[in-house]
Amino acid sequence: MAQKLASTARTGRDNQRYGAQGERLVAGVVPLSNDKKKVLLVQSTRRGGWVLPKGGWETDEGTPEEAACREAWEEAGVVCKIQKDLGKIPDKRPANKLTPQAPKALFQFYEVSVEKEASQWPEKDKRGRQWMSYQEAKQALAPRPELLDALNRSSIVK
């Protein structure tokens, strides 16, 4: 299935999917270099620092894989191919008033290979991207244990 490459990023949560407990369903990628010695991280627009490319799985997307690859394009400017399902990871941040029993989000991550790294992408003006070693990424993702969990589940050389 060919990935559709939009010139603009999606915004808002009108078409967002939610789980049975009200948790937001989020799809993301762990983009590894061909030698698996580096991971591509993007700058967070909300908190600063670095994160893995991820975002909401929307109602017009048939699978979380489709959403994950769209997010990789929008946030990191990469066309990717899924190599491995890294499983579901609950958000480690505290629940909110609407979903006191549920995590804020349930992440579904995939290890991906990067087939193309574009010079222009939808969120280029908002996000930088950087290839990092495991140790660099581990330090950068320390404030987000669910993202570090996804990295640790991947085949990156540690």
N, C-alpha and C. Protein backbone atom coordinates (compact mmCIF):
# COMPACT_ATOMS: atom_id res chain seq x y z
N MET A 1 0.85 -1.17 0.00
CA MET A 1 0.00 0.00 0.00
C MET A 1 0.89 1.24 0.00
N ALA A 2 0.70 2.10 -0.95
CA ALA A 2 1.49 3.33 -1.05
C ALA A 2 1.01 4.33 -0.01
N GLN A 3 1.97 5.00 0.59
CA GLN A 3 1.65 6.00 1.60
C GLN A 3 1.28 7.30 0.90
N LYS A 4 0.16 7.92 1.32
CA LYS A 4 -0.25 9.21 0.78
C LYS A 4 0.51 10.29 1.53
N LEU A 5 1.20 11.17 0.78
CA LEU A 5 1.99 12.21 1.39
C LEU A 5 1.29 13.55 1.24
N ALA A 6 0.74 14.03 2.33
CA ALA A 6 0.05 15.32 2.32
C ALA A 6 1.06 16.44 2.45
N SER A 7 0.71 17.61 1.92
CA SER A 7 1.62 18.75 2.04
C SER A 7 1.38 19.53 3.33
N THR A 8 0.26 19.27 3.99
CA THR A 8 -0.02 19.93 5.26
C THR A 8 -0.35 18.87 6.32
N ALA A 9 -0.09 19.21 7.57
CA ALA A 9 -0.36 18.30 8.68
C ALA A 9 -1.82 18.43 9.11
N ARG A 10 -2.36 17.36 9.60
CA ARG A 10 -3.71 17.39 10.16
C ARG A 10 -3.68 18.14 11.48
N THR A 11 -4.78 18.78 11.82
CA THR A 11 -4.87 19.48 13.11
C THR A 11 -6.20 19.14 13.77
N GLY A 12 -6.25 19.37 15.08
CA GLY A 12 -7.49 19.14 15.82
C GLY A 12 -7.70 17.69 16.16
N ARG A 13 -8.75 17.45 16.93
CA ARG A 13 -9.05 16.08 17.37
C ARG A 13 -10.48 15.67 17.05
N ASP A 14 -11.08 16.33 16.07
CA ASP A 14 -12.47 16.01 15.70
C ASP A 14 -12.63 14.58 15.22
N ASN A 15 -11.62 14.03 14.56
CA ASN A 15 -11.69 12.68 14.01
C ASN A 15 -10.88 11.68 14.81
N GLN A 16 -10.57 12.02 16.04
CA GLN A 16 -9.74 11.20 16.90
C GLN A 16 -10.47 9.93 17.36
N ARG A 17 -9.74 8.84 17.41
CA ARG A 17 -10.28 7.59 17.97
C ARG A 17 -9.97 7.52 19.46
N TYR A 18 -10.92 6.97 20.21
CA TYR A 18 -10.75 6.78 21.65
C TYR A 18 -11.04 5.33 22.00
N GLY A 19 -10.38 4.85 23.04
CA GLY A 19 -10.58 3.48 23.50
C GLY A 19 -11.79 3.36 24.39
N ALA A 20 -12.05 2.15 24.86
CA ALA A 20 -13.24 1.84 25.66
C ALA A 20 -13.29 2.62 26.98
N GLN A 21 -12.13 3.00 27.52
CA GLN A 21 -12.09 3.73 28.79
C GLN A 21 -11.91 5.24 28.58
N GLY A 22 -12.04 5.68 27.34
CA GLY A 22 -11.90 7.10 27.07
C GLY A 22 -10.49 7.56 26.76
N GLU A 23 -9.56 6.62 26.68
CA GLU A 23 -8.18 6.98 26.40
C GLU A 23 -7.99 7.27 24.90
N ARG A 24 -7.18 8.27 24.59
CA ARG A 24 -6.89 8.64 23.21
C ARG A 24 -5.99 7.58 22.60
N LEU A 25 -6.32 7.10 21.40
CA LEU A 25 -5.52 6.09 20.72
C LEU A 25 -4.48 6.79 19.85
N VAL A 26 -3.21 6.54 20.17
CA VAL A 26 -2.10 7.22 19.52
C VAL A 26 -1.20 6.19 18.84
N ALA A 27 -0.79 6.49 17.61
CA ALA A 27 0.10 5.62 16.86
C ALA A 27 1.43 6.33 16.65
N GLY A 28 2.52 5.58 16.76
CA GLY A 28 3.83 6.21 16.61
C GLY A 28 4.85 5.25 16.04
N VAL A 29 6.01 5.83 15.69
CA VAL A 29 7.08 5.04 15.08
C VAL A 29 8.39 5.24 15.83
N VAL A 30 9.21 4.20 15.75
CA VAL A 30 10.61 4.27 16.18
C VAL A 30 11.41 4.09 14.89
N PRO A 31 11.79 5.22 14.24
CA PRO A 31 12.49 5.14 12.96
C PRO A 31 13.98 4.86 13.15
N LEU A 32 14.43 3.71 12.69
CA LEU A 32 15.82 3.32 12.87
C LEU A 32 16.59 3.44 11.56
N SER A 33 17.89 3.75 11.70
CA SER A 33 18.78 3.76 10.54
C SER A 33 18.95 2.32 10.06
N ASN A 34 19.46 2.15 8.84
CA ASN A 34 19.61 0.81 8.29
C ASN A 34 20.50 -0.09 9.14
N ASP A 35 21.53 0.49 9.77
CA ASP A 35 22.42 -0.31 10.62
C ASP A 35 21.89 -0.45 12.06
N LYS A 36 20.73 0.18 12.33
CA LYS A 36 20.05 0.12 13.63
C LYS A 36 20.88 0.73 14.76
N LYS A 37 21.80 1.62 14.41
CA LYS A 37 22.63 2.28 15.42
C LYS A 37 22.09 3.66 15.79
N LYS A 38 21.12 4.16 15.03
CA LYS A 38 20.56 5.50 15.27
C LYS A 38 19.05 5.46 15.18
N VAL A 39 18.41 6.39 15.92
CA VAL A 39 16.96 6.57 15.88
C VAL A 39 16.71 8.03 15.54
N LEU A 40 15.66 8.29 14.77
CA LEU A 40 15.32 9.65 14.38
C LEU A 40 14.28 10.21 15.35
N LEU A 41 14.64 11.28 16.06
CA LEU A 41 13.72 11.95 16.97
C LEU A 41 13.34 13.30 16.39
N VAL A 42 12.18 13.81 16.83
CA VAL A 42 11.70 15.13 16.40
C VAL A 42 11.51 16.01 17.63
N GLN A 43 11.58 17.31 17.42
CA GLN A 43 11.36 18.23 18.52
C GLN A 43 9.89 18.26 18.89
N SER A 44 9.63 18.29 20.18
CA SER A 44 8.26 18.40 20.68
C SER A 44 7.79 19.84 20.52
N THR A 45 6.58 20.02 20.03
CA THR A 45 6.04 21.37 19.87
C THR A 45 5.43 21.88 21.17
N ARG A 46 5.06 20.97 22.07
CA ARG A 46 4.39 21.38 23.32
C ARG A 46 5.35 21.61 24.47
N ARG A 47 6.27 20.70 24.67
CA ARG A 47 7.12 20.75 25.86
C ARG A 47 8.57 21.08 25.58
N GLY A 48 8.94 21.19 24.32
CA GLY A 48 10.35 21.30 23.99
C GLY A 48 10.98 19.93 24.13
N GLY A 49 12.25 19.83 23.88
CA GLY A 49 12.91 18.53 23.95
C GLY A 49 12.61 17.69 22.74
N TRP A 50 12.88 16.39 22.86
CA TRP A 50 12.78 15.46 21.74
C TRP A 50 11.79 14.35 22.04
N VAL A 51 11.09 13.91 20.99
CA VAL A 51 10.10 12.83 21.09
C VAL A 51 10.19 11.94 19.86
N LEU A 52 9.53 10.81 19.94
CA LEU A 52 9.34 9.96 18.76
C LEU A 52 8.16 10.51 17.96
N PRO A 53 8.17 10.37 16.64
CA PRO A 53 7.00 10.80 15.85
C PRO A 53 5.77 9.97 16.23
N LYS A 54 4.69 10.67 16.58
CA LYS A 54 3.47 9.98 17.02
C LYS A 54 2.31 10.96 16.96
N GLY A 55 1.11 10.40 16.96
CA GLY A 55 -0.08 11.24 16.98
C GLY A 55 -1.33 10.39 16.93
N GLY A 56 -2.46 11.06 16.97
CA GLY A 56 -3.73 10.37 17.05
C GLY A 56 -4.05 9.51 15.84
N TRP A 57 -4.61 8.33 16.13
CA TRP A 57 -5.16 7.45 15.09
C TRP A 57 -6.55 8.00 14.79
N GLU A 58 -6.79 8.40 13.56
CA GLU A 58 -8.04 9.07 13.21
C GLU A 58 -9.05 8.12 12.57
N THR A 59 -10.31 8.52 12.62
CA THR A 59 -11.41 7.65 12.20
C THR A 59 -11.39 7.29 10.72
N ASP A 60 -10.72 8.09 9.88
CA ASP A 60 -10.67 7.77 8.45
C ASP A 60 -9.48 6.89 8.10
N GLU A 61 -8.72 6.48 9.10
CA GLU A 61 -7.57 5.60 8.87
C GLU A 61 -7.95 4.19 9.30
N GLY A 62 -7.73 3.24 8.40
CA GLY A 62 -8.15 1.87 8.66
C GLY A 62 -7.37 1.16 9.74
N THR A 63 -6.09 1.52 9.87
CA THR A 63 -5.24 0.81 10.83
C THR A 63 -4.34 1.80 11.57
N PRO A 64 -3.86 1.39 12.75
CA PRO A 64 -2.90 2.25 13.44
C PRO A 64 -1.58 2.35 12.67
N GLU A 65 -1.26 1.33 11.87
CA GLU A 65 -0.04 1.39 11.03
C GLU A 65 -0.12 2.56 10.06
N GLU A 66 -1.29 2.74 9.46
CA GLU A 66 -1.50 3.85 8.52
C GLU A 66 -1.31 5.19 9.24
N ALA A 67 -1.87 5.32 10.44
CA ALA A 67 -1.73 6.55 11.23
C ALA A 67 -0.27 6.78 11.61
N ALA A 68 0.43 5.74 12.01
CA ALA A 68 1.83 5.86 12.42
C ALA A 68 2.70 6.37 11.27
N CYS A 69 2.50 5.82 10.08
CA CYS A 69 3.29 6.25 8.93
C CYS A 69 2.92 7.67 8.51
N ARG A 70 1.66 8.06 8.65
CA ARG A 70 1.26 9.45 8.36
C ARG A 70 1.96 10.39 9.32
N GLU A 71 1.98 10.04 10.60
CA GLU A 71 2.64 10.88 11.59
C GLU A 71 4.14 10.99 11.32
N ALA A 72 4.77 9.90 10.89
CA ALA A 72 6.20 9.93 10.55
C ALA A 72 6.45 10.94 9.43
N TRP A 73 5.55 10.97 8.45
CA TRP A 73 5.68 11.92 7.35
C TRP A 73 5.45 13.36 7.83
N GLU A 74 4.34 13.58 8.54
CA GLU A 74 3.99 14.94 8.96
C GLU A 74 5.04 15.54 9.91
N GLU A 75 5.50 14.75 10.88
CA GLU A 75 6.37 15.29 11.92
C GLU A 75 7.86 15.20 11.59
N ALA A 76 8.28 14.14 10.89
CA ALA A 76 9.71 13.93 10.64
C ALA A 76 10.10 14.01 9.18
N GLY A 77 9.12 14.03 8.28
CA GLY A 77 9.44 14.10 6.86
C GLY A 77 10.06 12.84 6.30
N VAL A 78 9.65 11.71 6.87
CA VAL A 78 10.18 10.44 6.37
C VAL A 78 9.06 9.54 5.86
N VAL A 79 9.39 8.84 4.79
CA VAL A 79 8.54 7.77 4.28
C VAL A 79 9.13 6.51 4.89
N CYS A 80 8.28 5.73 5.54
CA CYS A 80 8.80 4.59 6.29
C CYS A 80 8.09 3.30 5.92
N LYS A 81 8.72 2.22 6.33
CA LYS A 81 8.15 0.88 6.15
C LYS A 81 8.18 0.18 7.50
N ILE A 82 7.03 -0.32 7.91
CA ILE A 82 6.93 -0.99 9.21
C ILE A 82 7.69 -2.32 9.17
N GLN A 83 8.54 -2.49 10.19
CA GLN A 83 9.34 -3.71 10.31
C GLN A 83 8.86 -4.60 11.46
N LYS A 84 8.32 -3.95 12.51
CA LYS A 84 7.99 -4.73 13.71
C LYS A 84 6.95 -3.99 14.53
N ASP A 85 5.98 -4.72 15.04
CA ASP A 85 4.97 -4.18 15.96
C ASP A 85 5.59 -4.21 17.35
N LEU A 86 5.68 -3.03 17.97
CA LEU A 86 6.28 -2.93 19.31
C LEU A 86 5.24 -3.02 20.43
N GLY A 87 3.98 -3.15 20.05
CA GLY A 87 2.94 -3.35 21.04
C GLY A 87 2.35 -2.06 21.59
N LYS A 88 1.41 -2.25 22.50
CA LYS A 88 0.70 -1.14 23.12
C LYS A 88 1.40 -0.72 24.42
N ILE A 89 1.46 0.58 24.64
CA ILE A 89 2.11 1.12 25.84
C ILE A 89 1.18 2.18 26.43
N PRO A 90 0.71 1.99 27.67
CA PRO A 90 -0.15 3.01 28.27
C PRO A 90 0.64 4.27 28.62
N ASP A 91 -0.01 5.40 28.51
CA ASP A 91 0.56 6.68 28.89
C ASP A 91 0.91 6.62 30.37
N LYS A 92 2.07 7.11 30.74
CA LYS A 92 2.51 7.06 32.14
C LYS A 92 2.12 8.32 32.91
N ARG A 93 1.60 9.33 32.21
CA ARG A 93 1.17 10.56 32.90
C ARG A 93 -0.12 10.28 33.66
N PRO A 94 -0.42 11.07 34.71
CA PRO A 94 -1.63 10.83 35.51
C PRO A 94 -2.91 10.97 34.67
N ALA A 95 -3.92 10.19 35.02
CA ALA A 95 -5.23 10.29 34.36
C ALA A 95 -5.85 11.64 34.68
N ASN A 96 -6.90 12.01 33.91
CA ASN A 96 -7.57 13.29 34.17
C ASN A 96 -8.96 13.05 34.75
N LYS A 97 -9.70 14.11 35.00
CA LYS A 97 -11.02 14.01 35.62
C LYS A 97 -12.01 13.20 34.77
N LEU A 98 -11.89 13.33 33.43
CA LEU A 98 -12.83 12.61 32.56
C LEU A 98 -12.55 11.12 32.52
N THR A 99 -11.30 10.75 32.65
CA THR A 99 -10.93 9.33 32.60
C THR A 99 -10.04 8.98 33.80
N PRO A 100 -10.60 9.04 35.03
CA PRO A 100 -9.76 8.82 36.21
C PRO A 100 -9.14 7.42 36.28
N GLN A 101 -9.79 6.43 35.69
CA GLN A 101 -9.26 5.08 35.75
C GLN A 101 -8.35 4.74 34.57
N ALA A 102 -8.46 5.51 33.50
CA ALA A 102 -7.75 5.19 32.26
C ALA A 102 -6.54 6.10 32.06
N PRO A 103 -5.56 5.62 31.29
CA PRO A 103 -4.47 6.50 30.92
C PRO A 103 -5.00 7.58 29.96
N LYS A 104 -4.28 8.70 29.87
CA LYS A 104 -4.69 9.75 28.93
C LYS A 104 -4.64 9.24 27.50
N ALA A 105 -3.69 8.34 27.24
CA ALA A 105 -3.51 7.81 25.89
C ALA A 105 -3.03 6.38 25.95
N LEU A 106 -3.30 5.65 24.88
CA LEU A 106 -2.74 4.31 24.71
C LEU A 106 -1.95 4.37 23.42
N PHE A 107 -0.62 4.20 23.53
CA PHE A 107 0.27 4.30 22.38
C PHE A 107 0.43 2.94 21.72
N GLN A 108 0.42 2.94 20.39
CA GLN A 108 0.74 1.75 19.61
C GLN A 108 1.96 2.12 18.78
N PHE A 109 3.11 1.52 19.09
CA PHE A 109 4.34 1.88 18.39
C PHE A 109 4.79 0.78 17.43
N TYR A 110 5.48 1.22 16.39
CA TYR A 110 6.04 0.33 15.37
C TYR A 110 7.48 0.72 15.11
N GLU A 111 8.32 -0.30 15.00
CA GLU A 111 9.68 -0.07 14.52
C GLU A 111 9.59 0.06 13.00
N VAL A 112 10.24 1.09 12.45
CA VAL A 112 10.18 1.30 11.01
C VAL A 112 11.57 1.54 10.44
N SER A 113 11.71 1.20 9.17
CA SER A 113 12.90 1.59 8.42
C SER A 113 12.53 2.83 7.61
N VAL A 114 13.50 3.69 7.41
CA VAL A 114 13.27 4.93 6.67
C VAL A 114 13.64 4.70 5.21
N GLU A 115 12.63 4.84 4.34
CA GLU A 115 12.85 4.64 2.91
C GLU A 115 13.24 5.93 2.20
N LYS A 116 12.77 7.06 2.75
CA LYS A 116 13.08 8.36 2.14
C LYS A 116 13.03 9.41 3.24
N GLU A 117 14.00 10.33 3.21
CA GLU A 117 14.06 11.45 4.15
C GLU A 117 13.94 12.72 3.30
N ALA A 118 12.79 13.39 3.36
CA ALA A 118 12.51 14.55 2.51
C ALA A 118 13.16 15.82 3.07
N SER A 119 13.42 16.77 2.18
CA SER A 119 13.97 18.06 2.62
C SER A 119 12.85 19.02 3.02
N GLN A 120 11.65 18.76 2.56
CA GLN A 120 10.47 19.55 2.93
C GLN A 120 9.40 18.59 3.43
N TRP A 121 8.72 18.96 4.52
CA TRP A 121 7.63 18.14 5.06
C TRP A 121 6.66 19.04 5.79
N PRO A 122 5.45 18.55 6.08
CA PRO A 122 4.39 19.40 6.63
C PRO A 122 4.75 20.19 7.89
N GLU A 123 5.48 19.61 8.83
CA GLU A 123 5.77 20.31 10.08
C GLU A 123 7.22 20.78 10.19
N LYS A 124 7.89 20.92 9.05
CA LYS A 124 9.30 21.33 9.06
C LYS A 124 9.50 22.65 9.80
N ASP A 125 8.58 23.60 9.65
CA ASP A 125 8.73 24.90 10.30
C ASP A 125 8.54 24.84 11.82
N LYS A 126 7.90 23.75 12.30
CA LYS A 126 7.62 23.62 13.73
C LYS A 126 8.55 22.66 14.45
N ARG A 127 9.16 21.75 13.69
CA ARG A 127 9.94 20.67 14.31
C ARG A 127 11.27 20.47 13.61
N GLY A 128 12.29 20.30 14.42
CA GLY A 128 13.55 19.82 13.90
C GLY A 128 13.56 18.31 14.00
N ARG A 129 14.51 17.69 13.36
CA ARG A 129 14.68 16.24 13.47
C ARG A 129 16.16 15.96 13.62
N GLN A 130 16.46 14.89 14.32
CA GLN A 130 17.87 14.57 14.55
C GLN A 130 18.04 13.07 14.75
N TRP A 131 19.04 12.51 14.08
CA TRP A 131 19.41 11.12 14.30
C TRP A 131 20.27 11.07 15.56
N MET A 132 19.94 10.13 16.46
CA MET A 132 20.66 10.00 17.72
C MET A 132 21.02 8.54 17.98
N SER A 133 22.13 8.37 18.71
CA SER A 133 22.50 7.03 19.17
C SER A 133 21.52 6.62 20.26
N TYR A 134 21.59 5.36 20.66
CA TYR A 134 20.71 4.89 21.73
C TYR A 134 20.92 5.71 23.00
N GLN A 135 22.18 5.93 23.37
CA GLN A 135 22.46 6.65 24.62
C GLN A 135 21.93 8.09 24.56
N GLU A 136 22.09 8.76 23.41
CA GLU A 136 21.58 10.12 23.26
C GLU A 136 20.06 10.13 23.34
N ALA A 137 19.42 9.19 22.64
CA ALA A 137 17.95 9.12 22.63
C ALA A 137 17.41 8.74 24.01
N LYS A 138 18.09 7.83 24.69
CA LYS A 138 17.67 7.41 26.03
C LYS A 138 17.63 8.62 26.97
N GLN A 139 18.63 9.47 26.89
CA GLN A 139 18.68 10.68 27.71
C GLN A 139 17.60 11.66 27.28
N ALA A 140 17.41 11.84 25.97
CA ALA A 140 16.43 12.79 25.47
C ALA A 140 15.00 12.37 25.81
N LEU A 141 14.74 11.07 25.84
CA LEU A 141 13.38 10.56 26.09
C LEU A 141 13.11 10.29 27.57
N ALA A 142 14.08 10.51 28.44
CA ALA A 142 13.92 10.22 29.87
C ALA A 142 12.67 10.84 30.49
N PRO A 143 12.28 12.08 30.11
CA PRO A 143 11.06 12.65 30.70
C PRO A 143 9.76 11.98 30.23
N ARG A 144 9.85 11.14 29.21
CA ARG A 144 8.66 10.47 28.66
C ARG A 144 8.86 8.95 28.69
N PRO A 145 8.61 8.32 29.85
CA PRO A 145 8.90 6.89 30.00
C PRO A 145 8.19 5.99 28.98
N GLU A 146 7.00 6.40 28.53
CA GLU A 146 6.32 5.55 27.54
C GLU A 146 7.06 5.56 26.20
N LEU A 147 7.70 6.67 25.85
CA LEU A 147 8.47 6.75 24.61
C LEU A 147 9.79 5.99 24.76
N LEU A 148 10.39 6.09 25.92
CA LEU A 148 11.61 5.33 26.20
C LEU A 148 11.32 3.83 26.17
N ASP A 149 10.15 3.44 26.66
CA ASP A 149 9.72 2.04 26.61
C ASP A 149 9.66 1.56 25.15
N ALA A 150 9.09 2.37 24.27
CA ALA A 150 9.01 2.00 22.85
C ALA A 150 10.41 1.86 22.26
N LEU A 151 11.31 2.79 22.56
CA LEU A 151 12.69 2.70 22.07
C LEU A 151 13.34 1.42 22.56
N ASN A 152 13.14 1.09 23.84
CA ASN A 152 13.76 -0.11 24.41
C ASN A 152 13.19 -1.39 23.83
N ARG A 153 11.97 -1.35 23.31
CA ARG A 153 11.36 -2.53 22.68
C ARG A 153 11.88 -2.73 21.24
N SER A 154 12.51 -1.69 20.69
CA SER A 154 12.97 -1.76 19.30
C SER A 154 14.28 -2.54 19.20
N SER A 155 14.75 -2.71 17.97
CA SER A 155 15.99 -3.46 17.69
C SER A 155 17.21 -2.55 17.66
N ILE A 156 17.10 -1.31 18.16
CA ILE A 156 18.25 -0.40 18.13
C ILE A 156 19.43 -1.02 18.85
N VAL A 157 20.63 -0.78 18.34
CA VAL A 157 21.85 -1.26 18.98
C VAL A 157 22.05 -0.45 20.26
N LYS A 158 22.08 -1.15 21.38
CA LYS A 158 22.20 -0.48 22.69
C LYS A 158 23.63 -0.44 23.17
